[in-house]
Protein backbone atom coordinates (compact mmCIF):
# COMPACT_ATOMS: atom_id res chain seq x y z
CA MET A 1 6.18 -1.27 -15.57
CA GLY A 2 3.14 -2.55 -13.64
CA GLN A 3 2.09 -1.95 -10.08
CA GLY A 4 2.58 -5.56 -9.05
CA ASP A 5 0.76 -6.72 -5.94
CA TYR A 6 -0.10 -3.17 -4.90
CA CYS A 7 -3.17 -3.13 -2.65
CA LYS A 8 -5.34 -0.10 -3.21
CA ILE A 9 -6.92 1.13 0.00
CA LEU A 10 -8.68 4.32 -1.04
CA THR A 11 -11.67 3.41 -3.18
CA PRO A 12 -13.97 6.07 -4.63
CA ALA A 13 -16.57 5.23 -1.96
CA LEU A 14 -14.00 5.53 0.86
CA CYS A 15 -12.82 8.84 -0.56
CA ARG A 16 -16.40 10.17 -0.42
CA ALA A 17 -16.87 8.70 3.07
CA ALA A 18 -13.68 10.27 4.43
CA ARG A 19 -14.63 13.64 2.95
CA GLY A 20 -18.08 13.33 4.46
CA TYR A 21 -16.68 12.47 7.87
CA LEU A 22 -14.49 15.59 7.74
CA ASP A 23 -17.28 17.67 6.16
CA TRP A 24 -14.94 18.52 3.29
CA THR A 25 -15.95 19.47 -0.21
CA GLN A 26 -14.02 18.16 -3.19
CA MET A 27 -12.34 21.57 -3.33
CA ASP A 28 -11.27 21.25 0.33
CA LEU A 29 -9.66 17.90 -0.44
CA ALA A 30 -8.03 19.31 -3.57
CA GLU A 31 -6.47 22.17 -1.63
CA ARG A 32 -5.22 19.92 1.16
CA SER A 33 -3.90 17.15 -1.09
CA GLY A 34 -2.54 19.01 -4.10
CA VAL A 35 -4.73 16.86 -6.38
CA SER A 36 -6.98 18.70 -8.84
CA ARG A 37 -10.68 18.89 -8.06
CA SER A 38 -11.48 17.45 -11.49
CA THR A 39 -9.33 14.37 -10.74
CA ILE A 40 -11.12 13.92 -7.40
CA ARG A 41 -14.54 14.40 -9.06
CA ASP A 42 -13.75 11.87 -11.80
CA TYR A 43 -12.31 9.36 -9.33
CA GLU A 44 -15.21 9.59 -6.90
CA GLY A 45 -17.61 9.30 -9.82
CA ASP A 46 -15.89 6.09 -11.00
CA ARG A 47 -14.91 7.77 -14.27
CA HIS A 48 -11.27 6.73 -13.95
CA ASP A 49 -8.76 5.24 -11.54
CA VAL A 50 -5.95 7.20 -9.88
CA HIS A 51 -2.24 6.54 -9.90
CA ARG A 52 -0.51 5.19 -6.83
CA ALA A 53 1.10 8.57 -6.10
CA THR A 54 -2.26 10.35 -6.33
CA GLU A 55 -3.84 7.88 -3.94
CA ALA A 56 -0.94 8.50 -1.54
CA GLN A 57 -1.50 12.27 -1.70
CA LEU A 58 -5.22 11.86 -0.97
CA ARG A 59 -4.61 9.42 1.87
CA LEU A 60 -1.98 11.67 3.42
CA ALA A 61 -4.40 14.60 3.41
CA PHE A 62 -7.04 12.48 5.14
CA GLU A 63 -4.60 10.97 7.64
CA THR A 64 -3.17 14.40 8.50
CA ALA A 65 -6.73 15.55 9.21
CA GLY A 66 -7.28 12.66 11.64
CA ILE A 67 -8.74 9.87 9.50
CA ALA A 68 -7.53 6.28 9.83
CA PHE A 69 -8.04 3.59 7.23
CA VAL A 70 -8.73 0.22 8.83
CA ARG A 71 -8.72 -3.25 7.28
CA MET A 72 -11.95 -5.13 7.74
CA GLU A 73 -13.10 -8.63 6.82
CA GLY A 74 -12.50 -9.81 3.29
CA ASP A 75 -9.74 -7.29 2.48
CA GLN A 76 -12.21 -4.42 2.68
CA PHE A 77 -11.26 -1.09 4.25
CA GLY A 78 -13.19 1.43 6.29
CA VAL A 79 -12.58 4.90 7.70
CA CYS A 80 -12.68 6.03 11.29
CA PRO A 81 -11.12 8.76 13.44
CA LYS A 82 -7.56 8.15 14.52
CA ALA A 83 -7.17 7.16 18.15
CA VAL A 84 -6.00 10.06 20.29
CA ASN A 85 -3.40 9.16 22.91
């Protein structure tokens, strides 16, 4: 049961960048996402990958806080504030 052509958006570096933009600690992200701080620490430190569902929880926490993930050249992603209408 593989993940097929799943395209991961949230890399460890983007996770750190999004936290930095929001001025969140790893504990802040853990509380808002429901993901343990140790999982966030290990992921951001490139110690292990995260499951699809965990990435979705982290992304939802960031997106709810006003972060947008944008596709850039070469299938790279960046973070920026969501546009306010």
